[in-house]
Amino acid sequence: MQAFSGLGYLLKNVLITNTADITIGAPITTSDVRHPRGAVVFSQGTVYFLGAQVRYPFPSAEVFFSWGHAFDKVVPANSHDLAMTVGPVIQAKVLGISIKNPNLQNGMFVKTAKSPTVYRIVDGRYIKPYYSANAFLRDAYSFAVIKIITSNELAYYQLGDF
């Protein structure tokens, strides 16, 4: 309980849920570690989503809310969180209909026509953003492999960081 509260979490925000589909990670036994992947933290007026190795800033409350977050669940960042690399600014998640395109497969590279961000589809339900052209070219052969998809198709996937 000391690690839980030491990381800024409150019992009133705990959700009771079925964890059968959740991969169990290593136990957190101290608050002298970074917050877990998927945590939302704040520091000096900026709110961040924590990925596996990168923290992603939200540019506005509107974008923050578009991903289904609530400010009462945000906790203060610690020195371990702030030592993480800052990634690209998170884009608003398109609200409305999310469409699963059966032609999109794991490993494909996709983007929308209105955004320069390229994503790789992972595990059929996540999208991994590429932070730079160099990072993208390291994993792909050329920009010709990118498939342009609609915002509704992109909205089907959850943001991941692998």
Protein backbone atom coordinates (compact mmCIF):
# COMPACT_ATOMS: atom_id res chain seq x y z
CA MET A 1 0.00 0.00 0.00
CA GLN A 2 2.93 2.33 0.68
CA ALA A 3 4.18 2.04 -2.94
CA PHE A 4 0.64 2.61 -4.24
CA SER A 5 0.10 5.82 -2.28
CA GLY A 6 3.74 6.86 -2.73
CA LEU A 7 3.14 6.96 -6.49
CA GLY A 8 0.19 9.32 -5.90
CA TYR A 9 -2.65 6.85 -6.43
CA LEU A 10 -5.87 6.96 -4.40
CA LEU A 11 -8.02 3.99 -3.36
CA LYS A 12 -11.15 5.87 -4.46
CA ASN A 13 -9.87 5.66 -8.07
CA VAL A 14 -9.33 1.89 -8.07
CA LEU A 15 -11.51 0.06 -10.59
CA ILE A 16 -12.85 -3.41 -9.86
CA THR A 17 -12.67 -5.35 -13.11
CA ASN A 18 -12.05 -8.74 -14.68
CA THR A 19 -8.28 -9.04 -15.16
CA ALA A 20 -8.35 -12.26 -17.19
CA ASP A 21 -7.27 -10.44 -20.38
CA ILE A 22 -4.60 -8.30 -18.72
CA THR A 23 -0.95 -9.33 -18.76
CA ILE A 24 0.34 -9.18 -15.21
CA GLY A 25 3.61 -7.27 -14.89
CA ALA A 26 6.21 -7.31 -12.17
CA PRO A 27 4.93 -6.22 -8.75
CA ILE A 28 5.61 -2.62 -7.77
CA THR A 29 6.96 -2.73 -4.23
CA THR A 30 8.44 0.77 -3.95
CA SER A 31 7.51 4.26 -5.01
CA ASP A 32 11.12 4.89 -6.10
CA VAL A 33 10.36 3.72 -9.65
CA ARG A 34 8.70 5.21 -12.69
CA HIS A 35 4.92 4.98 -12.94
CA PRO A 36 3.72 1.95 -14.91
CA ARG A 37 3.20 2.01 -18.65
CA GLY A 38 -0.17 3.57 -19.42
CA ALA A 39 -0.10 5.92 -16.43
CA VAL A 40 -1.02 9.57 -16.94
CA VAL A 41 1.17 11.98 -14.97
CA PHE A 42 1.72 15.73 -14.78
CA SER A 43 4.69 18.02 -14.23
CA GLN A 44 4.97 21.81 -14.46
CA GLY A 45 1.58 22.20 -16.13
CA THR A 46 2.01 19.44 -18.72
CA VAL A 47 0.17 16.11 -18.65
CA TYR A 48 1.92 13.05 -20.14
CA PHE A 49 0.89 9.54 -21.16
CA LEU A 50 3.68 7.11 -20.20
CA GLY A 51 4.61 4.55 -22.81
CA ALA A 52 7.14 1.73 -22.45
CA GLN A 53 10.12 4.08 -22.75
CA VAL A 54 8.72 7.44 -23.83
CA ARG A 55 6.41 10.01 -22.25
CA TYR A 56 3.95 11.67 -24.63
CA PRO A 57 2.66 15.19 -23.87
CA PHE A 58 -0.98 16.13 -24.32
CA PRO A 59 -1.21 19.54 -26.04
CA SER A 60 -4.62 20.44 -24.60
CA ALA A 61 -7.47 19.31 -22.37
CA GLU A 62 -9.50 18.59 -25.49
CA VAL A 63 -6.93 16.04 -26.74
CA PHE A 64 -6.59 14.60 -23.21
CA PHE A 65 -10.36 14.05 -22.95
CA SER A 66 -10.57 12.61 -26.49
CA TRP A 67 -8.58 9.60 -25.22
CA GLY A 68 -11.08 9.00 -22.39
CA HIS A 69 -8.90 10.32 -19.55
CA ALA A 70 -10.09 12.28 -16.52
CA PHE A 71 -8.04 14.77 -14.51
CA ASP A 72 -8.91 13.13 -11.19
CA LYS A 73 -6.89 10.07 -12.29
CA VAL A 74 -3.72 12.04 -13.12
CA VAL A 75 -0.87 11.73 -10.62
CA PRO A 76 2.29 13.81 -10.11
CA ALA A 77 5.30 12.74 -12.18
CA ASN A 78 8.38 11.65 -10.28
CA SER A 79 12.07 11.94 -11.20
CA HIS A 80 12.01 8.54 -12.93
CA ASP A 81 9.10 9.61 -15.16
CA LEU A 82 10.81 12.90 -16.00
CA ALA A 83 14.00 11.04 -16.99
CA MET A 84 12.08 9.35 -19.83
CA THR A 85 12.49 10.67 -23.37
CA VAL A 86 9.73 13.07 -24.43
CA GLY A 87 7.99 11.77 -27.54
CA PRO A 88 5.76 13.51 -30.06
CA VAL A 89 2.69 15.42 -28.95
CA ILE A 90 -0.38 13.18 -28.77
CA GLN A 91 -2.99 13.88 -31.43
CA ALA A 92 -6.72 13.94 -30.68
CA LYS A 93 -8.45 10.60 -30.95
CA VAL A 94 -11.22 10.85 -33.47
CA LEU A 95 -14.54 10.45 -31.75
CA GLY A 96 -17.43 8.74 -33.39
CA ILE A 97 -17.40 5.50 -35.26
CA SER A 98 -14.30 3.37 -35.16
CA ILE A 99 -14.09 0.98 -38.05
CA LYS A 100 -12.06 -2.23 -38.19
CA ASN A 101 -10.71 -2.60 -41.68
CA PRO A 102 -10.21 -6.34 -42.33
CA ASN A 103 -7.53 -5.52 -44.93
CA LEU A 104 -5.23 -4.03 -42.28
CA GLN A 105 -2.81 -6.60 -40.88
CA ASN A 106 -0.23 -6.74 -38.10
CA GLY A 107 3.02 -5.10 -39.13
CA MET A 108 1.44 -2.78 -41.71
CA PHE A 109 2.38 0.90 -41.71
CA VAL A 110 -0.53 3.33 -41.81
CA LYS A 111 -1.30 7.04 -41.56
CA THR A 112 -4.18 9.38 -42.22
CA ALA A 113 -4.10 11.88 -45.07
CA LYS A 114 -4.29 14.80 -42.62
CA SER A 115 -1.43 13.84 -40.27
CA PRO A 116 2.28 13.21 -40.92
CA THR A 117 2.48 10.61 -38.11
CA VAL A 118 3.09 7.05 -39.32
CA TYR A 119 1.94 4.11 -37.20
CA ARG A 120 2.70 0.38 -37.26
CA ILE A 121 -0.17 -1.98 -36.41
CA VAL A 122 0.80 -4.32 -33.55
CA ASP A 123 -1.14 -7.28 -32.14
CA GLY A 124 -4.23 -6.36 -34.15
CA ARG A 125 -5.35 -3.69 -31.70
CA TYR A 126 -2.48 -1.25 -31.10
CA ILE A 127 -0.71 1.36 -33.17
CA LYS A 128 2.92 2.29 -32.56
CA PRO A 129 3.78 5.86 -33.58
CA TYR A 130 7.08 6.61 -35.29
CA TYR A 131 8.90 9.58 -33.83
CA SER A 132 11.06 10.38 -36.86
CA ALA A 133 11.68 9.45 -40.48
CA ASN A 134 14.93 7.72 -39.40
CA ALA A 135 13.10 5.52 -36.90
CA PHE A 136 10.53 4.63 -39.55
CA LEU A 137 13.12 3.86 -42.21
CA ARG A 138 14.97 1.60 -39.77
CA ASP A 139 11.89 -0.70 -39.60
CA ALA A 140 10.46 -0.29 -43.12
CA TYR A 141 11.95 -0.42 -46.56
CA SER A 142 10.47 2.78 -47.92
CA PHE A 143 7.69 5.28 -47.55
CA ALA A 144 5.92 3.40 -50.34
CA VAL A 145 4.78 0.75 -47.82
CA ILE A 146 2.58 3.26 -45.95
CA LYS A 147 -1.15 2.76 -46.43
CA ILE A 148 -3.38 5.82 -46.10
CA ILE A 149 -6.41 5.07 -43.93
CA THR A 150 -9.34 7.09 -42.65
CA SER A 151 -9.49 8.68 -39.21
CA ASN A 152 -12.30 6.27 -38.31
CA GLU A 153 -10.11 3.30 -39.21
CA LEU A 154 -7.25 4.70 -37.12
CA ALA A 155 -9.62 5.27 -34.18
CA TYR A 156 -10.18 1.50 -33.96
CA TYR A 157 -6.65 1.05 -32.55
CA GLN A 158 -5.25 1.98 -29.14
CA LEU A 159 -2.02 3.93 -28.86
CA GLY A 160 0.83 1.69 -27.81
CA ASP A 161 4.52 2.11 -27.19
CA PHE A 162 6.68 -0.96 -27.61
